[in-house]
Amino acid sequence: MTERRATHRALLLMFASAAMFGAMAFAAKLASARLSGPQVAMIRFAVGLLPVLLIPHARRLATKFERVDLLLYRGLFGGTAVLLYFIAIAHTSVGVATLLNYTAPVWSGIFSMVFIGEKFSPKVLIALPVAFTGVLLVVNANARPGDVLGFGPWELCAALSAVASGAAVTAMRAARRGENSWSVYGSFCLLGLLVTMPLGIFTWKHPVGHEWLALALASLLAIGAQLTMTFSLRWVDAMTVGVISQFAVLMSMALGAMFLNEVITGMEALGSLLTISGVVGVVYITSLTKPKAAAEQVVPEA
C-alpha cells in the first residue's frame, strides 16, 4: 500500500510537472513580447541555480560527480536546447514551439541506440513516420512564403532544440549511471547559463513592470517542474512519463489559444495529434525492454 500511494503521488506530481512546463512556455512567451528569447533563457537558468546555491544539502551533492565529460555534454546540449526553444517561443506561437521541442524523445531514443548501446526495435520505424508526418502538417499549417517544407527559421530553431535536447537527455542517461540528481541538475543550470549568457547580454533590455512578473513566473515554474519531475522518475515507468510529459504541449497550446489568440487550425490539430501519437509510440517501443531504467530518456529539456 505504501508503494502504491507513492506511485499515485508520483503520477499526480508528473501531471503537475507537465502542466508547469507548459505554463512556463506560456510565461516565457509573455516575457519575450519585448525581451529577447536568449535573455529570458539566461534569467531562467540564473534563477534555476538558486536551489543549488541556497540549499546546503543540494550544494554538497551538486559538487560530487564522477563523469565530468558526460555532465559537460548534458549541460552544453541542454543549454543549447533551451536557448533555441526560447528563441522559437519569442518568434512563433508557443504551441508550435512546444510541440516541436517535445519531439525530443524521438531523438533521445535514436541517440541512445546509437551512442550508449540501447537496443533497436524495427517497430520504431512505424512510429517515427507518424511523428514526422504530424510535424510537417503543423509547420505547413503556419507556413509563410519562402519556408522550406513549411519550416521557417523559428520553426527550425524549435526543431533543432529537440535534437539538442535528445543529445542532452542521452548524456544524462549515461551520466545518471554514476551521478546523483543534483549534480546533473546543477551542471545543467550552470552550463545553460554560460551558453545563453553571450546572446542574453548582447540583446539585454531592462525588464519593466509585468515583464519581471513573467520572468519570475517562467523561472519558478521551471524549477518546480524539474524538481517534481525528478521525484516522479523514481516511481513512474518510461511509458507513463512519455505520455504524461506530452500534456505540456496541450497546456501550452490551450494557454496560447485562450490568452494570446493563437488560432489552432484543423490541419494543426491533426498534425499535433499525429506528432504526439508518434512520440508516444517511439517512447513505448523503446521502453519495452527497460521499463524502469528508461524513464529519464523521455524527458525533454525545458
C-alpha atoms as a PDB file:
ATOM      1  CA  MET A   1       0.000   0.000   0.000  1.00  0.00           C
ATOM      2  CA  THR A   2       2.843   2.377   0.801  1.00  0.00           C
ATOM      3  CA  GLU A   3       4.413   1.818  -2.613  1.00  0.00           C
ATOM      4  CA  ARG A   4       1.016   2.189  -4.302  1.00  0.00           C
ATOM      5  CA  ARG A   5       0.388   5.506  -2.574  1.00  0.00           C
ATOM      6  CA  ALA A   6       3.869   6.675  -3.579  1.00  0.00           C
ATOM      7  CA  THR A   7       3.130   5.729  -7.200  1.00  0.00           C
ATOM      8  CA  HIS A   8      -0.187   7.594  -7.158  1.00  0.00           C
ATOM      9  CA  ARG A   9       1.533  10.638  -5.681  1.00  0.00           C
ATOM     10  CA  ALA A  10       4.255  10.427  -8.323  1.00  0.00           C
ATOM     11  CA  LEU A  11       1.634  10.314 -11.090  1.00  0.00           C
ATOM     12  CA  LEU A  12      -0.021  13.452  -9.729  1.00  0.00           C
ATOM     13  CA  LEU A  13       3.366  15.167  -9.485  1.00  0.00           C
ATOM     14  CA  MET A  14       4.212  14.136 -13.042  1.00  0.00           C
ATOM     15  CA  PHE A  15       0.988  15.730 -14.282  1.00  0.00           C
ATOM     16  CA  ALA A  16       1.804  18.821 -12.217  1.00  0.00           C
ATOM     17  CA  SER A  17       5.308  18.882 -13.699  1.00  0.00           C
ATOM     18  CA  ALA A  18       4.000  18.676 -17.277  1.00  0.00           C
ATOM     19  CA  ALA A  19       1.430  21.387 -16.555  1.00  0.00           C
ATOM     20  CA  MET A  20       4.150  23.624 -15.117  1.00  0.00           C
ATOM     21  CA  PHE A  21       6.394  23.065 -18.146  1.00  0.00           C
ATOM     22  CA  GLY A  22       3.522  24.076 -20.417  1.00  0.00           C
ATOM     23  CA  ALA A  23       2.731  27.125 -18.272  1.00  0.00           C
ATOM     24  CA  MET A  24       6.445  28.001 -18.206  1.00  0.00           C
ATOM     25  CA  ALA A  25       6.463  28.164 -22.013  1.00  0.00           C
ATOM     26  CA  PHE A  26       3.435  30.475 -21.885  1.00  0.00           C
ATOM     27  CA  ALA A  27       5.117  32.728 -19.292  1.00  0.00           C
ATOM     28  CA  ALA A  28       8.282  32.804 -21.424  1.00  0.00           C
ATOM     29  CA  LYS A  29       6.147  33.881 -24.389  1.00  0.00           C
ATOM     30  CA  LEU A  30       4.708  36.745 -22.328  1.00  0.00           C
ATOM     31  CA  ALA A  31       8.196  37.803 -21.201  1.00  0.00           C
ATOM     32  CA  SER A  32       9.581  37.699 -24.739  1.00  0.00           C
ATOM     33  CA  ALA A  33       6.974  40.055 -26.192  1.00  0.00           C
ATOM     34  CA  ARG A  34       9.660  42.744 -25.923  1.00  0.00           C
ATOM     35  CA  LEU A  35      12.633  40.945 -24.370  1.00  0.00           C
ATOM     36  CA  SER A  36      14.731  38.537 -26.414  1.00  0.00           C
ATOM     37  CA  GLY A  37      14.474  34.764 -26.114  1.00  0.00           C
ATOM     38  CA  PRO A  38      18.150  34.439 -25.077  1.00  0.00           C
ATOM     39  CA  GLN A  39      17.673  36.984 -22.271  1.00  0.00           C
ATOM     40  CA  VAL A  40      14.620  35.118 -20.960  1.00  0.00           C
ATOM     41  CA  ALA A  41      16.519  31.806 -21.122  1.00  0.00           C
ATOM     42  CA  MET A  42      19.540  33.303 -19.346  1.00  0.00           C
ATOM     43  CA  ILE A  43      17.388  34.586 -16.476  1.00  0.00           C
ATOM     44  CA  ARG A  44      15.608  31.224 -16.291  1.00  0.00           C
ATOM     45  CA  PHE A  45      18.950  29.454 -15.774  1.00  0.00           C
ATOM     46  CA  ALA A  46      20.220  32.051 -13.287  1.00  0.00           C
ATOM     47  CA  VAL A  47      17.146  31.604 -11.112  1.00  0.00           C
ATOM     48  CA  GLY A  48      17.367  27.843 -11.593  1.00  0.00           C
ATOM     49  CA  LEU A  49      20.760  27.850  -9.874  1.00  0.00           C
ATOM     50  CA  LEU A  50      19.291  29.257  -6.651  1.00  0.00           C
ATOM     51  CA  PRO A  51      18.273  25.897  -5.088  1.00  0.00           C
ATOM     52  CA  VAL A  52      21.838  24.609  -5.586  1.00  0.00           C
ATOM     53  CA  LEU A  53      23.337  27.779  -4.095  1.00  0.00           C
ATOM     54  CA  LEU A  54      20.923  28.221  -1.187  1.00  0.00           C
ATOM     55  CA  ILE A  55      20.228  24.651  -0.021  1.00  0.00           C
ATOM     56  CA  PRO A  56      23.326  23.191   1.731  1.00  0.00           C
ATOM     57  CA  HIS A  57      22.382  19.552   1.056  1.00  0.00           C
ATOM     58  CA  ALA A  58      21.801  20.247  -2.641  1.00  0.00           C
ATOM     59  CA  ARG A  59      25.043  22.224  -2.849  1.00  0.00           C
ATOM     60  CA  ARG A  60      27.048  19.346  -1.385  1.00  0.00           C
ATOM     61  CA  LEU A  61      25.558  16.799  -3.754  1.00  0.00           C
ATOM     62  CA  ALA A  62      25.949  19.091  -6.769  1.00  0.00           C
ATOM     63  CA  THR A  63      29.712  19.203  -6.224  1.00  0.00           C
ATOM     64  CA  LYS A  64      30.011  15.397  -6.135  1.00  0.00           C
ATOM     65  CA  PHE A  65      30.457  13.935  -9.596  1.00  0.00           C
ATOM     66  CA  GLU A  66      32.422  11.259 -11.425  1.00  0.00           C
ATOM     67  CA  ARG A  67      31.988  11.739 -15.193  1.00  0.00           C
ATOM     68  CA  VAL A  68      32.715  15.412 -15.845  1.00  0.00           C
ATOM     69  CA  ASP A  69      32.651  14.799 -19.605  1.00  0.00           C
ATOM     70  CA  LEU A  70      29.073  13.496 -19.580  1.00  0.00           C
ATOM     71  CA  LEU A  71      27.892  16.317 -17.340  1.00  0.00           C
ATOM     72  CA  LEU A  72      29.501  18.781 -19.730  1.00  0.00           C
ATOM     73  CA  TYR A  73      27.746  17.209 -22.715  1.00  0.00           C
ATOM     74  CA  ARG A  74      24.432  17.242 -20.874  1.00  0.00           C
ATOM     75  CA  GLY A  75      24.813  20.843 -19.768  1.00  0.00           C
ATOM     76  CA  LEU A  76      26.038  22.195 -23.096  1.00  0.00           C
ATOM     77  CA  PHE A  77      23.484  20.363 -25.228  1.00  0.00           C
ATOM     78  CA  GLY A  78      20.738  21.091 -22.705  1.00  0.00           C
ATOM     79  CA  GLY A  79      21.617  24.774 -22.565  1.00  0.00           C
ATOM     80  CA  THR A  80      21.642  24.933 -26.364  1.00  0.00           C
ATOM     81  CA  ALA A  81      18.242  23.206 -26.470  1.00  0.00           C
ATOM     82  CA  VAL A  82      16.680  25.727 -24.090  1.00  0.00           C
ATOM     83  CA  LEU A  83      18.293  28.658 -25.922  1.00  0.00           C
ATOM     84  CA  LEU A  84      16.863  27.533 -29.273  1.00  0.00           C
ATOM     85  CA  TYR A  85      13.494  26.727 -27.684  1.00  0.00           C
ATOM     86  CA  PHE A  86      13.142  30.164 -26.118  1.00  0.00           C
ATOM     87  CA  ILE A  87      14.212  31.859 -29.364  1.00  0.00           C
ATOM     88  CA  ALA A  88      11.447  29.910 -31.132  1.00  0.00           C
ATOM     89  CA  ILE A  89       8.906  30.815 -28.443  1.00  0.00           C
ATOM     90  CA  ALA A  90       9.724  34.502 -28.919  1.00  0.00           C
ATOM     91  CA  HIS A  91       9.082  34.388 -32.693  1.00  0.00           C
ATOM     92  CA  THR A  92       6.385  31.773 -33.295  1.00  0.00           C
ATOM     93  CA  SER A  93       3.318  30.500 -31.452  1.00  0.00           C
ATOM     94  CA  VAL A  94       4.010  28.977 -28.060  1.00  0.00           C
ATOM     95  CA  GLY A  95       2.032  25.854 -29.004  1.00  0.00           C
ATOM     96  CA  VAL A  96       4.017  25.132 -32.168  1.00  0.00           C
ATOM     97  CA  ALA A  97       7.359  25.824 -30.456  1.00  0.00           C
ATOM     98  CA  THR A  98       6.477  23.477 -27.584  1.00  0.00           C
ATOM     99  CA  LEU A  99       5.168  20.743 -29.864  1.00  0.00           C
ATOM    100  CA  LEU A 100       8.365  20.752 -31.918  1.00  0.00           C
ATOM    101  CA  ASN A 101      10.557  20.856 -28.799  1.00  0.00           C
ATOM    102  CA  TYR A 102       8.667  17.919 -27.311  1.00  0.00           C
ATOM    103  CA  THR A 103       9.645  15.650 -30.180  1.00  0.00           C
ATOM    104  CA  ALA A 104      12.918  15.316 -28.234  1.00  0.00           C
ATOM    105  CA  PRO A 105      12.093  11.747 -27.050  1.00  0.00           C
ATOM    106  CA  VAL A 106      12.324  10.633 -30.682  1.00  0.00           C
ATOM    107  CA  TRP A 107      15.889  11.937 -30.891  1.00  0.00           C
ATOM    108  CA  SER A 108      16.914  10.708 -27.437  1.00  0.00           C
ATOM    109  CA  GLY A 109      15.635   7.265 -28.380  1.00  0.00           C
ATOM    110  CA  ILE A 110      17.682   7.280 -31.582  1.00  0.00           C
ATOM    111  CA  PHE A 111      20.810   8.681 -29.914  1.00  0.00           C
ATOM    112  CA  SER A 112      20.538   6.190 -27.038  1.00  0.00           C
ATOM    113  CA  MET A 113      20.553   3.323 -29.509  1.00  0.00           C
ATOM    114  CA  VAL A 114      23.489   4.717 -31.475  1.00  0.00           C
ATOM    115  CA  PHE A 115      25.740   6.050 -28.690  1.00  0.00           C
ATOM    116  CA  ILE A 116      25.018   4.172 -25.451  1.00  0.00           C
ATOM    117  CA  GLY A 117      24.049   0.765 -26.747  1.00  0.00           C
ATOM    118  CA  GLU A 118      20.271   0.735 -26.282  1.00  0.00           C
ATOM    119  CA  LYS A 119      18.506  -1.992 -28.252  1.00  0.00           C
ATOM    120  CA  PHE A 120      16.864  -1.046 -31.534  1.00  0.00           C
ATOM    121  CA  SER A 121      13.398  -2.323 -32.403  1.00  0.00           C
ATOM    122  CA  PRO A 122      12.269  -2.289 -36.054  1.00  0.00           C
ATOM    123  CA  LYS A 123       8.806  -1.272 -34.776  1.00  0.00           C
ATOM    124  CA  VAL A 124      10.223   2.212 -34.214  1.00  0.00           C
ATOM    125  CA  LEU A 125      10.119   2.604 -37.998  1.00  0.00           C
ATOM    126  CA  ILE A 126       6.317   2.591 -37.734  1.00  0.00           C
ATOM    127  CA  ALA A 127       6.039   5.305 -35.110  1.00  0.00           C
ATOM    128  CA  LEU A 128       8.725   7.626 -36.496  1.00  0.00           C
ATOM    129  CA  PRO A 129       6.968   8.440 -39.796  1.00  0.00           C
ATOM    130  CA  VAL A 130       3.760   9.162 -37.877  1.00  0.00           C
ATOM    131  CA  ALA A 131       5.543  11.721 -35.689  1.00  0.00           C
ATOM    132  CA  PHE A 132       7.352  13.367 -38.593  1.00  0.00           C
ATOM    133  CA  THR A 133       4.185  13.486 -40.722  1.00  0.00           C
ATOM    134  CA  GLY A 134       2.461  15.284 -37.853  1.00  0.00           C
ATOM    135  CA  VAL A 135       5.322  17.774 -37.624  1.00  0.00           C
ATOM    136  CA  LEU A 136       5.077  18.534 -41.360  1.00  0.00           C
ATOM    137  CA  LEU A 137       1.325  19.115 -41.070  1.00  0.00           C
ATOM    138  CA  VAL A 138       1.799  21.502 -38.134  1.00  0.00           C
ATOM    139  CA  VAL A 139       4.527  23.594 -39.741  1.00  0.00           C
ATOM    140  CA  ASN A 140       2.725  23.721 -43.093  1.00  0.00           C
ATOM    141  CA  ALA A 141      -0.421  24.938 -41.351  1.00  0.00           C
ATOM    142  CA  ASN A 142       1.595  28.003 -40.315  1.00  0.00           C
ATOM    143  CA  ALA A 143       3.871  28.233 -43.356  1.00  0.00           C
ATOM    144  CA  ARG A 144       4.926  31.565 -44.849  1.00  0.00           C
ATOM    145  CA  PRO A 145       6.235  32.317 -48.364  1.00  0.00           C
ATOM    146  CA  GLY A 146       9.843  31.173 -48.652  1.00  0.00           C
ATOM    147  CA  ASP A 147       9.626  28.492 -45.964  1.00  0.00           C
ATOM    148  CA  VAL A 148      11.174  25.126 -46.842  1.00  0.00           C
ATOM    149  CA  LEU A 149       8.750  22.226 -46.298  1.00  0.00           C
ATOM    150  CA  GLY A 150       6.857  24.584 -44.013  1.00  0.00           C
ATOM    151  CA  PHE A 151       9.900  25.326 -41.858  1.00  0.00           C
ATOM    152  CA  GLY A 152      10.821  28.958 -41.352  1.00  0.00           C
ATOM    153  CA  PRO A 153      13.855  29.986 -39.282  1.00  0.00           C
ATOM    154  CA  TRP A 154      11.940  29.927 -35.984  1.00  0.00           C
ATOM    155  CA  GLU A 155      10.280  26.563 -36.556  1.00  0.00           C
ATOM    156  CA  LEU A 156      13.733  25.256 -37.474  1.00  0.00           C
ATOM    157  CA  CYS A 157      15.062  26.608 -34.155  1.00  0.00           C
ATOM    158  CA  ALA A 158      12.343  24.702 -32.298  1.00  0.00           C
ATOM    159  CA  ALA A 159      13.068  21.501 -34.239  1.00  0.00           C
ATOM    160  CA  LEU A 160      16.814  21.810 -33.591  1.00  0.00           C
ATOM    161  CA  SER A 161      16.080  22.399 -29.903  1.00  0.00           C
ATOM    162  CA  ALA A 162      14.511  18.928 -29.878  1.00  0.00           C
ATOM    163  CA  VAL A 163      17.639  17.414 -31.466  1.00  0.00           C
ATOM    164  CA  ALA A 164      19.905  19.141 -28.918  1.00  0.00           C
ATOM    165  CA  SER A 165      17.562  18.088 -26.117  1.00  0.00           C
ATOM    166  CA  GLY A 166      17.717  14.487 -27.314  1.00  0.00           C
ATOM    167  CA  ALA A 167      21.508  14.609 -27.183  1.00  0.00           C
ATOM    168  CA  ALA A 168      21.393  16.147 -23.690  1.00  0.00           C
ATOM    169  CA  VAL A 169      18.984  13.524 -22.345  1.00  0.00           C
ATOM    170  CA  THR A 170      21.149  10.742 -23.806  1.00  0.00           C
ATOM    171  CA  ALA A 171      24.161  12.184 -21.973  1.00  0.00           C
ATOM    172  CA  MET A 172      22.038  12.452 -18.818  1.00  0.00           C
ATOM    173  CA  ARG A 173      21.033   8.807 -19.067  1.00  0.00           C
ATOM    174  CA  ALA A 174      24.685   7.820 -19.305  1.00  0.00           C
ATOM    175  CA  ALA A 175      25.652  10.238 -16.527  1.00  0.00           C
ATOM    176  CA  ARG A 176      22.945   9.044 -14.152  1.00  0.00           C
ATOM    177  CA  ARG A 177      24.556   5.609 -14.131  1.00  0.00           C
ATOM    178  CA  GLY A 178      27.070   7.116 -11.715  1.00  0.00           C
ATOM    179  CA  GLU A 179      25.887  10.664 -10.901  1.00  0.00           C
ATOM    180  CA  ASN A 180      23.304  11.986  -8.449  1.00  0.00           C
ATOM    181  CA  SER A 181      20.329  14.112  -9.496  1.00  0.00           C
ATOM    182  CA  TRP A 182      21.672  17.370  -8.017  1.00  0.00           C
ATOM    183  CA  SER A 183      24.996  17.152  -9.873  1.00  0.00           C
ATOM    184  CA  VAL A 184      23.086  16.626 -13.131  1.00  0.00           C
ATOM    185  CA  TYR A 185      20.643  19.441 -12.363  1.00  0.00           C
ATOM    186  CA  GLY A 186      23.361  21.834 -11.178  1.00  0.00           C
ATOM    187  CA  SER A 187      25.571  21.261 -14.210  1.00  0.00           C
ATOM    188  CA  PHE A 188      22.581  21.768 -16.486  1.00  0.00           C
ATOM    189  CA  CYS A 189      21.732  25.157 -14.955  1.00  0.00           C
ATOM    190  CA  LEU A 190      25.338  26.364 -14.715  1.00  0.00           C
ATOM    191  CA  LEU A 191      26.333  25.395 -18.253  1.00  0.00           C
ATOM    192  CA  GLY A 192      22.975  26.516 -19.582  1.00  0.00           C
ATOM    193  CA  LEU A 193      23.630  29.925 -18.039  1.00  0.00           C
ATOM    194  CA  LEU A 194      27.035  30.078 -19.728  1.00  0.00           C
ATOM    195  CA  VAL A 195      25.573  29.043 -23.099  1.00  0.00           C
ATOM    196  CA  THR A 196      22.778  31.640 -23.006  1.00  0.00           C
ATOM    197  CA  MET A 197      24.817  34.461 -21.467  1.00  0.00           C
ATOM    198  CA  PRO A 198      26.584  35.822 -24.599  1.00  0.00           C
ATOM    199  CA  LEU A 199      23.368  36.371 -26.577  1.00  0.00           C
ATOM    200  CA  GLY A 200      21.423  37.206 -23.425  1.00  0.00           C
ATOM    201  CA  ILE A 201      23.775  40.044 -22.518  1.00  0.00           C
ATOM    202  CA  PHE A 202      24.139  41.223 -26.137  1.00  0.00           C
ATOM    203  CA  THR A 203      20.359  41.544 -26.549  1.00  0.00           C
ATOM    204  CA  TRP A 204      19.668  42.742 -22.983  1.00  0.00           C
ATOM    205  CA  LYS A 205      16.783  45.125 -22.385  1.00  0.00           C
ATOM    206  CA  HIS A 206      15.925  46.234 -18.881  1.00  0.00           C
ATOM    207  CA  PRO A 207      12.696  44.476 -17.864  1.00  0.00           C
ATOM    208  CA  VAL A 208       9.835  46.637 -16.669  1.00  0.00           C
ATOM    209  CA  GLY A 209       6.715  46.029 -14.586  1.00  0.00           C
ATOM    210  CA  HIS A 210       4.833  42.974 -15.822  1.00  0.00           C
ATOM    211  CA  GLU A 211       7.951  41.630 -17.561  1.00  0.00           C
ATOM    212  CA  TRP A 212       9.585  40.979 -14.188  1.00  0.00           C
ATOM    213  CA  LEU A 213       6.484  39.041 -13.162  1.00  0.00           C
ATOM    214  CA  ALA A 214       6.541  36.954 -16.362  1.00  0.00           C
ATOM    215  CA  LEU A 215      10.283  36.264 -15.939  1.00  0.00           C
ATOM    216  CA  ALA A 216       9.824  35.246 -12.309  1.00  0.00           C
ATOM    217  CA  LEU A 217       6.885  33.037 -13.217  1.00  0.00           C
ATOM    218  CA  ALA A 218       8.759  31.294 -16.044  1.00  0.00           C
ATOM    219  CA  SER A 219      11.820  30.699 -13.853  1.00  0.00           C
ATOM    220  CA  LEU A 220       9.908  29.448 -10.799  1.00  0.00           C
ATOM    221  CA  LEU A 221       7.689  27.196 -12.900  1.00  0.00           C
ATOM    222  CA  ALA A 222      10.816  25.682 -14.489  1.00  0.00           C
ATOM    223  CA  ILE A 223      12.292  24.946 -11.050  1.00  0.00           C
ATOM    224  CA  GLY A 224       9.040  23.465  -9.772  1.00  0.00           C
ATOM    225  CA  ALA A 225       8.561  21.374 -12.904  1.00  0.00           C
ATOM    226  CA  GLN A 226      12.074  19.936 -12.798  1.00  0.00           C
ATOM    227  CA  LEU A 227      12.040  19.148  -9.083  1.00  0.00           C
ATOM    228  CA  THR A 228       8.646  17.407  -9.186  1.00  0.00           C
ATOM    229  CA  MET A 229       9.712  15.539 -12.312  1.00  0.00           C
ATOM    230  CA  THR A 230      12.912  14.355 -10.591  1.00  0.00           C
ATOM    231  CA  PHE A 231      10.916  12.800  -7.740  1.00  0.00           C
ATOM    232  CA  SER A 232       8.421  11.180 -10.126  1.00  0.00           C
ATOM    233  CA  LEU A 233      11.085   9.358 -12.144  1.00  0.00           C
ATOM    234  CA  ARG A 234      11.747   7.031  -9.227  1.00  0.00           C
ATOM    235  CA  TRP A 235       8.190   5.701  -9.210  1.00  0.00           C
ATOM    236  CA  VAL A 236       6.870   6.074 -12.763  1.00  0.00           C
ATOM    237  CA  ASP A 237       7.881   3.936 -15.733  1.00  0.00           C
ATOM    238  CA  ALA A 238       9.100   5.272 -19.053  1.00  0.00           C
ATOM    239  CA  MET A 239       5.859   4.768 -20.965  1.00  0.00           C
ATOM    240  CA  THR A 240       3.832   6.660 -18.363  1.00  0.00           C
ATOM    241  CA  VAL A 241       6.345   9.503 -18.227  1.00  0.00           C
ATOM    242  CA  GLY A 242       6.354   9.733 -22.027  1.00  0.00           C
ATOM    243  CA  VAL A 243       2.581  10.010 -22.211  1.00  0.00           C
ATOM    244  CA  ILE A 244       2.175  12.465 -19.337  1.00  0.00           C
ATOM    245  CA  SER A 245       5.036  14.721 -20.475  1.00  0.00           C
ATOM    246  CA  GLN A 246       3.121  15.448 -23.702  1.00  0.00           C
ATOM    247  CA  PHE A 247       0.481  17.162 -21.538  1.00  0.00           C
ATOM    248  CA  ALA A 248       2.867  20.148 -21.551  1.00  0.00           C
ATOM    249  CA  VAL A 249       2.201  20.547 -25.287  1.00  0.00           C
ATOM    250  CA  LEU A 250      -1.563  20.570 -24.764  1.00  0.00           C
ATOM    251  CA  MET A 251      -1.231  23.019 -21.865  1.00  0.00           C
ATOM    252  CA  SER A 252       0.879  25.476 -23.865  1.00  0.00           C
ATOM    253  CA  MET A 253      -1.475  25.262 -26.852  1.00  0.00           C
ATOM    254  CA  ALA A 254      -4.524  25.837 -24.675  1.00  0.00           C
ATOM    255  CA  LEU A 255      -2.965  28.838 -22.910  1.00  0.00           C
ATOM    256  CA  GLY A 256      -1.813  30.306 -26.214  1.00  0.00           C
ATOM    257  CA  ALA A 257      -5.289  29.910 -27.717  1.00  0.00           C
ATOM    258  CA  MET A 258      -7.092  31.336 -24.677  1.00  0.00           C
ATOM    259  CA  PHE A 259      -4.868  34.288 -23.820  1.00  0.00           C
ATOM    260  CA  LEU A 260      -2.783  35.060 -26.931  1.00  0.00           C
ATOM    261  CA  ASN A 261      -5.394  34.429 -29.619  1.00  0.00           C
ATOM    262  CA  GLU A 262      -3.227  31.748 -31.242  1.00  0.00           C
ATOM    263  CA  VAL A 263      -5.547  30.043 -33.726  1.00  0.00           C
ATOM    264  CA  ILE A 264      -5.408  26.237 -33.930  1.00  0.00           C
ATOM    265  CA  THR A 265      -6.497  25.198 -37.419  1.00  0.00           C
ATOM    266  CA  GLY A 266      -7.853  21.787 -38.342  1.00  0.00           C
ATOM    267  CA  MET A 267      -4.580  20.847 -40.042  1.00  0.00           C
ATOM    268  CA  GLU A 268      -2.583  21.936 -36.996  1.00  0.00           C
ATOM    269  CA  ALA A 269      -4.835  19.956 -34.651  1.00  0.00           C
ATOM    270  CA  LEU A 270      -4.490  16.826 -36.801  1.00  0.00           C
ATOM    271  CA  GLY A 271      -0.724  17.315 -37.075  1.00  0.00           C
ATOM    272  CA  SER A 272      -0.421  17.775 -33.313  1.00  0.00           C
ATOM    273  CA  LEU A 273      -2.391  14.572 -32.716  1.00  0.00           C
ATOM    274  CA  LEU A 274      -0.155  12.617 -35.099  1.00  0.00           C
ATOM    275  CA  THR A 275       3.025  14.097 -33.632  1.00  0.00           C
ATOM    276  CA  ILE A 276       2.074  13.320 -30.043  1.00  0.00           C
ATOM    277  CA  SER A 277       0.916   9.817 -31.044  1.00  0.00           C
ATOM    278  CA  GLY A 278       4.170   9.161 -32.886  1.00  0.00           C
ATOM    279  CA  VAL A 279       6.295  10.403 -29.988  1.00  0.00           C
ATOM    280  CA  VAL A 280       4.344   8.254 -27.522  1.00  0.00           C
ATOM    281  CA  GLY A 281       4.749   5.304 -29.886  1.00  0.00           C
ATOM    282  CA  VAL A 282       8.522   5.750 -30.006  1.00  0.00           C
ATOM    283  CA  VAL A 283       8.654   6.007 -26.205  1.00  0.00           C
ATOM    284  CA  TYR A 284       6.557   2.861 -25.837  1.00  0.00           C
ATOM    285  CA  ILE A 285       8.613   0.806 -28.258  1.00  0.00           C
ATOM    286  CA  THR A 286      11.990   1.909 -26.887  1.00  0.00           C
ATOM    287  CA  SER A 287      10.886   1.300 -23.281  1.00  0.00           C
ATOM    288  CA  LEU A 288       9.581  -2.259 -23.719  1.00  0.00           C
ATOM    289  CA  THR A 289      12.866  -3.893 -22.726  1.00  0.00           C
ATOM    290  CA  LYS A 290      13.708  -1.382 -19.961  1.00  0.00           C
ATOM    291  CA  PRO A 291      10.516  -0.080 -18.309  1.00  0.00           C
ATOM    292  CA  LYS A 292      12.210   1.469 -15.293  1.00  0.00           C
ATOM    293  CA  ALA A 293      15.672   2.476 -16.422  1.00  0.00           C
ATOM    294  CA  ALA A 294      14.412   4.393 -19.426  1.00  0.00           C
ATOM    295  CA  ALA A 295      12.163   6.803 -17.542  1.00  0.00           C
ATOM    296  CA  GLU A 296      14.686   9.621 -17.785  1.00  0.00           C
ATOM    297  CA  GLN A 297      15.021   9.059 -21.530  1.00  0.00           C
ATOM    298  CA  VAL A 298      11.668  10.632 -22.348  1.00  0.00           C
ATOM    299  CA  VAL A 299      12.008  13.973 -20.556  1.00  0.00           C
ATOM    300  CA  PRO A 300      12.869  16.907 -22.820  1.00  0.00           C
ATOM    301  CA  GLU A 301      14.961  19.860 -21.673  1.00  0.00           C
ATOM    302  CA  ALA A 302      12.999  22.993 -20.898  1.00  0.00           C
END
